[in-house]
Amino acid sequence: MTALADILAGLSPIEGGFSGVIPSDWLQGRTAYGGLSSALALHAAQSTAPDLPPLRSAQIAFVGPLAGTVTITARTLRRGRNAAFVEATIESDAGLGFRATFVFMRDVDSSIAFDRSTPAVHPAPPPDATLYRGPADHFTGNFEFFDQGQPGDRGEWHRWARLVEHDRLDLEVALIAIADGLPPAAYQLNRDVAAMSSLTWQLNLLVPRPTTTDGWWLIHSRTDRAIGGYSSQRMTMWAADGTPVADAMQGVAIFG
């Protein structure tokens, strides 16, 4: 398997970004796993300035397939006193495959302090937990997963996940790489469906520069509506100590 840190280290600088190759063991069908594309784009966005505030939001569109040699470029849309907006795109021989706007923002003084988020309901995997990985020729082979043995409702996933090699990575890059690691929630409704594909992804970080222990993150996704070949799902992410770290929404195409 190809470690994400090695993929990033192997990128070649070009004007406005980097070029590199998507390893075959990071593919999801005929395209790169969305978390890998997002991690590559975030890495390029971070390179636009040495003093960016923490990442707080990402608006992502999975425009088309990405495989083989790709170019990742990023540019600052606006930099204010508190926030920076950075656009990143990824292209391959097939054309534009990925576009994102990343928002980096520092904490500011506020008269409002309100938090309705809830801690994780399942403890992190114990050291002797039985873990499983995906096949070596699929992007999930780069992850380790742990299930609680408590299935969720229909159209719902609840699973601990981490990168097999999670060291040597920027924390924000590691988080966005794993945050899309579950199958679409609609897959729980009918596992015989031929294919599903993420179209858009809105990810908001609840804390600046979240950290975890041993690389573990608890990911929850749920769809309440999947009709006409389209599903909208909500996603939540927690650190190993149960701290909520991210909320997200994703639009998913269903083929079959």
Protein backbone atom coordinates (compact mmCIF):
# COMPACT_ATOMS: atom_id res chain seq x y z
CA MET A 1 0.00 0.00 0.00
CA THR A 2 1.12 3.58 -0.66
CA ALA A 3 1.21 5.82 2.41
CA LEU A 4 -0.48 9.21 2.00
CA ALA A 5 2.63 10.91 3.39
CA ASP A 6 4.69 9.31 0.60
CA ILE A 7 2.21 10.48 -2.04
CA LEU A 8 2.52 14.05 -0.76
CA ALA A 9 6.32 13.82 -0.54
CA GLY A 10 6.44 12.58 -4.15
CA LEU A 11 4.57 15.56 -5.61
CA SER A 12 6.52 17.75 -8.03
CA PRO A 13 6.21 21.54 -7.68
CA ILE A 14 4.71 23.38 -10.65
CA GLU A 15 3.53 26.95 -11.07
CA GLY A 16 0.64 27.44 -8.67
CA GLY A 17 0.73 23.95 -7.21
CA PHE A 18 1.95 20.41 -7.78
CA SER A 19 1.79 17.47 -10.14
CA GLY A 20 1.75 13.82 -9.16
CA VAL A 21 0.37 10.36 -9.79
CA ILE A 22 -2.69 8.74 -8.19
CA PRO A 23 -1.54 5.26 -7.08
CA SER A 24 -3.80 2.41 -8.15
CA ASP A 25 -4.30 1.36 -4.53
CA TRP A 26 -6.05 4.69 -3.85
CA LEU A 27 -8.65 4.31 -6.59
CA GLN A 28 -12.38 3.92 -6.03
CA GLY A 29 -13.54 2.40 -9.28
CA ARG A 30 -12.15 4.52 -12.10
CA THR A 31 -11.44 7.59 -9.99
CA ALA A 32 -9.36 8.56 -6.98
CA TYR A 33 -10.95 8.10 -3.56
CA GLY A 34 -12.58 11.42 -2.66
CA GLY A 35 -10.71 11.75 0.62
CA LEU A 36 -7.39 11.45 -1.21
CA SER A 37 -8.39 14.11 -3.76
CA SER A 38 -9.48 16.37 -0.89
CA ALA A 39 -6.20 15.79 0.96
CA LEU A 40 -4.15 16.62 -2.14
CA ALA A 41 -6.18 19.79 -2.71
CA LEU A 42 -5.87 20.86 0.93
CA HIS A 43 -2.11 20.28 0.81
CA ALA A 44 -1.90 22.59 -2.21
CA ALA A 45 -4.14 25.18 -0.53
CA GLN A 46 -1.94 25.18 2.57
CA SER A 47 1.09 25.93 0.40
CA THR A 48 -0.33 29.26 -0.77
CA ALA A 49 0.76 31.02 2.44
CA PRO A 50 2.95 30.02 5.41
CA ASP A 51 0.74 31.63 8.04
CA LEU A 52 -2.77 30.42 7.23
CA PRO A 53 -5.19 30.17 10.17
CA PRO A 54 -6.77 26.79 11.00
CA LEU A 55 -9.01 25.15 8.42
CA ARG A 56 -12.67 25.64 9.35
CA SER A 57 -14.68 24.75 6.23
CA ALA A 58 -14.42 23.02 2.85
CA GLN A 59 -16.89 23.18 -0.03
CA ILE A 60 -16.05 20.40 -2.45
CA ALA A 61 -17.36 19.30 -5.85
CA PHE A 62 -16.33 15.94 -7.29
CA VAL A 63 -16.65 17.04 -10.91
CA GLY A 64 -15.28 14.05 -12.78
CA PRO A 65 -12.92 11.04 -12.64
CA LEU A 66 -9.30 11.48 -11.58
CA ALA A 67 -6.63 8.86 -12.25
CA GLY A 68 -3.04 8.62 -13.42
CA THR A 69 -1.05 11.86 -13.57
CA VAL A 70 -2.83 14.87 -12.09
CA THR A 71 -2.12 18.55 -11.55
CA ILE A 72 -3.22 20.21 -8.30
CA THR A 73 -3.34 24.00 -8.28
CA ALA A 74 -4.46 26.50 -5.65
CA ARG A 75 -4.96 30.25 -5.48
CA THR A 76 -6.04 32.70 -2.80
CA LEU A 77 -9.46 34.17 -3.51
CA ARG A 78 -9.41 36.57 -0.58
CA ARG A 79 -7.32 37.09 2.58
CA GLY A 80 -8.80 39.25 5.33
CA ARG A 81 -7.82 39.95 8.92
CA ASN A 82 -9.48 36.80 10.24
CA ALA A 83 -10.18 34.48 7.31
CA ALA A 84 -8.64 33.30 4.05
CA PHE A 85 -10.54 31.75 1.14
CA VAL A 86 -8.43 29.47 -1.07
CA GLU A 87 -9.62 27.71 -4.21
CA ALA A 88 -8.05 24.41 -5.29
CA THR A 89 -8.59 22.36 -8.43
CA ILE A 90 -7.34 18.99 -9.65
CA GLU A 91 -7.15 18.04 -13.33
CA SER A 92 -6.10 14.93 -15.22
CA ASP A 93 -5.98 13.96 -18.89
CA ALA A 94 -9.79 13.67 -18.69
CA GLY A 95 -10.07 17.32 -17.67
CA LEU A 96 -11.28 18.99 -14.49
CA GLY A 97 -12.10 16.41 -11.84
CA PHE A 98 -12.19 18.31 -8.54
CA ARG A 99 -12.84 21.81 -7.30
CA ALA A 100 -12.89 23.07 -3.70
CA THR A 101 -13.01 26.27 -1.70
CA PHE A 102 -11.23 26.02 1.65
CA VAL A 103 -11.90 28.56 4.40
CA PHE A 104 -9.18 29.13 6.97
CA MET A 105 -10.19 31.24 9.98
CA ARG A 106 -8.73 32.11 13.35
CA ASP A 107 -10.79 32.28 16.55
CA VAL A 108 -12.22 35.72 17.23
CA ASP A 109 -13.74 37.28 20.33
CA SER A 110 -17.51 36.73 20.45
CA SER A 111 -20.37 37.37 22.85
CA ILE A 112 -21.91 34.04 21.78
CA ALA A 113 -20.80 30.74 23.29
CA PHE A 114 -23.29 27.96 22.47
CA ASP A 115 -22.67 24.27 21.85
CA ARG A 116 -25.37 21.67 21.15
CA SER A 117 -23.00 19.05 19.78
CA THR A 118 -22.86 15.74 21.64
CA PRO A 119 -19.88 13.53 22.53
CA ALA A 120 -19.34 10.19 20.87
CA VAL A 121 -21.60 7.41 22.20
CA HIS A 122 -19.12 4.61 21.40
CA PRO A 123 -15.64 4.34 23.00
CA ALA A 124 -12.53 4.22 20.86
CA PRO A 125 -11.17 0.76 19.94
CA PRO A 126 -9.21 -0.94 22.74
CA PRO A 127 -5.61 -2.00 22.03
CA ASP A 128 -6.68 -5.63 21.54
CA ALA A 129 -9.61 -4.80 19.24
CA THR A 130 -10.16 -6.92 16.15
CA LEU A 131 -9.66 -4.58 13.19
CA TYR A 132 -10.26 -5.11 9.50
CA ARG A 133 -8.99 -3.56 6.28
CA GLY A 134 -10.23 -3.40 2.74
CA PRO A 135 -8.62 -5.31 -0.15
CA ALA A 136 -5.11 -4.34 -1.21
CA ASP A 137 -6.28 -3.23 -4.68
CA HIS A 138 -8.88 -0.81 -3.26
CA PHE A 139 -8.49 2.48 -1.41
CA THR A 140 -9.96 0.94 1.77
CA GLY A 141 -6.83 -1.19 2.03
CA ASN A 142 -5.14 1.97 3.33
CA PHE A 143 -7.54 2.12 6.30
CA GLU A 144 -8.24 0.15 9.46
CA PHE A 145 -11.87 -0.05 10.67
CA PHE A 146 -13.57 -1.05 13.89
CA ASP A 147 -17.28 -1.71 14.33
CA GLN A 148 -18.99 -1.66 17.72
CA GLY A 149 -21.13 -4.67 16.92
CA GLN A 150 -24.17 -2.42 17.16
CA PRO A 151 -25.68 -1.86 13.70
CA GLY A 152 -27.35 1.48 13.09
CA ASP A 153 -30.71 2.15 11.55
CA ARG A 154 -31.34 1.56 7.86
CA GLY A 155 -29.43 4.06 5.77
CA GLU A 156 -26.85 4.67 8.49
CA TRP A 157 -23.17 3.95 9.21
CA HIS A 158 -21.38 4.28 12.58
CA ARG A 159 -17.73 3.21 12.40
CA TRP A 160 -14.27 3.95 13.80
CA ALA A 161 -11.62 4.45 11.10
CA ARG A 162 -7.99 5.43 10.78
CA LEU A 163 -5.27 5.48 8.17
CA VAL A 164 -2.96 2.47 8.44
CA GLU A 165 -0.02 4.87 8.22
CA HIS A 166 -1.21 8.02 9.96
CA ASP A 167 2.14 9.44 11.10
CA ARG A 168 4.10 12.10 9.21
CA LEU A 169 0.89 13.87 8.20
CA ASP A 170 -0.47 17.33 8.83
CA LEU A 171 -3.45 16.87 11.17
CA GLU A 172 -5.91 18.70 8.90
CA VAL A 173 -4.79 16.71 5.86
CA ALA A 174 -5.09 13.44 7.79
CA LEU A 175 -8.60 14.33 8.98
CA ILE A 176 -9.97 15.26 5.56
CA ALA A 177 -8.40 12.12 4.08
CA ILE A 178 -10.31 9.86 6.48
CA ALA A 179 -13.55 11.86 6.78
CA ASP A 180 -14.93 10.40 3.53
CA GLY A 181 -13.87 6.86 4.37
CA LEU A 182 -17.32 5.29 4.80
CA PRO A 183 -19.49 4.03 1.94
CA PRO A 184 -22.48 6.26 1.15
CA ALA A 185 -25.18 5.83 3.79
CA ALA A 186 -27.67 4.84 1.07
CA TYR A 187 -25.58 1.72 0.44
CA GLN A 188 -27.10 0.31 3.63
CA LEU A 189 -30.51 0.41 1.94
CA ASN A 190 -29.56 -1.91 -0.92
CA ARG A 191 -26.10 -3.43 -1.15
CA ASP A 192 -26.88 -4.82 -4.60
CA VAL A 193 -26.83 -1.35 -6.18
CA ALA A 194 -24.20 -1.26 -8.91
CA ALA A 195 -22.47 1.96 -7.89
CA MET A 196 -22.75 5.20 -5.97
CA SER A 197 -20.68 8.35 -6.40
CA SER A 198 -20.25 11.45 -4.23
CA LEU A 199 -21.14 14.65 -6.05
CA THR A 200 -20.63 17.38 -3.46
CA TRP A 201 -19.30 17.61 0.09
CA GLN A 202 -19.61 20.40 2.66
CA LEU A 203 -17.34 19.85 5.67
CA ASN A 204 -17.23 22.18 8.69
CA LEU A 205 -14.67 21.75 11.46
CA LEU A 206 -16.07 22.37 14.94
CA VAL A 207 -12.69 22.97 16.59
CA PRO A 208 -9.48 24.45 15.17
CA ARG A 209 -6.79 21.91 14.28
CA PRO A 210 -8.50 18.85 15.83
CA THR A 211 -6.33 16.09 17.26
CA THR A 212 -6.97 12.47 18.16
CA THR A 213 -5.21 9.44 19.67
CA ASP A 214 -3.64 6.64 17.63
CA GLY A 215 -5.16 8.08 14.45
CA TRP A 216 -8.74 7.01 15.35
CA TRP A 217 -11.84 8.95 14.27
CA LEU A 218 -15.47 7.91 14.74
CA ILE A 219 -17.51 8.65 11.60
CA HIS A 220 -21.30 8.63 11.38
CA SER A 221 -23.33 9.09 8.21
CA ARG A 222 -27.08 8.92 7.71
CA THR A 223 -29.47 9.47 4.84
CA ASP A 224 -33.14 10.17 5.42
CA ARG A 225 -34.03 10.44 1.74
CA ALA A 226 -32.75 8.55 -1.32
CA ILE A 227 -35.08 8.98 -4.29
CA GLY A 228 -34.61 9.32 -8.04
CA GLY A 229 -30.97 8.29 -8.02
CA TYR A 230 -29.94 10.98 -5.52
CA SER A 231 -29.27 10.84 -1.78
CA SER A 232 -28.50 13.64 0.66
CA GLN A 233 -26.63 12.47 3.75
CA ARG A 234 -25.49 14.11 6.99
CA MET A 235 -22.16 13.21 8.56
CA THR A 236 -20.51 13.73 11.95
CA MET A 237 -16.99 13.02 13.13
CA TRP A 238 -15.49 12.59 16.61
CA ALA A 239 -11.95 12.29 17.99
CA ALA A 240 -10.85 9.29 20.05
CA ASP A 241 -11.72 11.03 23.33
CA GLY A 242 -15.30 11.59 22.14
CA THR A 243 -14.91 15.26 21.20
CA PRO A 244 -17.06 16.28 18.19
CA VAL A 245 -14.72 17.66 15.53
CA ALA A 246 -16.67 17.96 12.26
CA ASP A 247 -20.12 18.16 10.69
CA ALA A 248 -20.75 17.54 7.01
CA MET A 249 -23.33 17.03 4.28
CA GLN A 250 -22.86 15.13 1.07
CA GLY A 251 -24.83 14.70 -2.13
CA VAL A 252 -24.57 11.21 -3.64
CA ALA A 253 -25.57 9.85 -7.06
CA ILE A 254 -27.03 6.33 -7.11
CA PHE A 255 -26.59 4.27 -10.29
CA GLY A 256 -29.06 1.41 -10.16
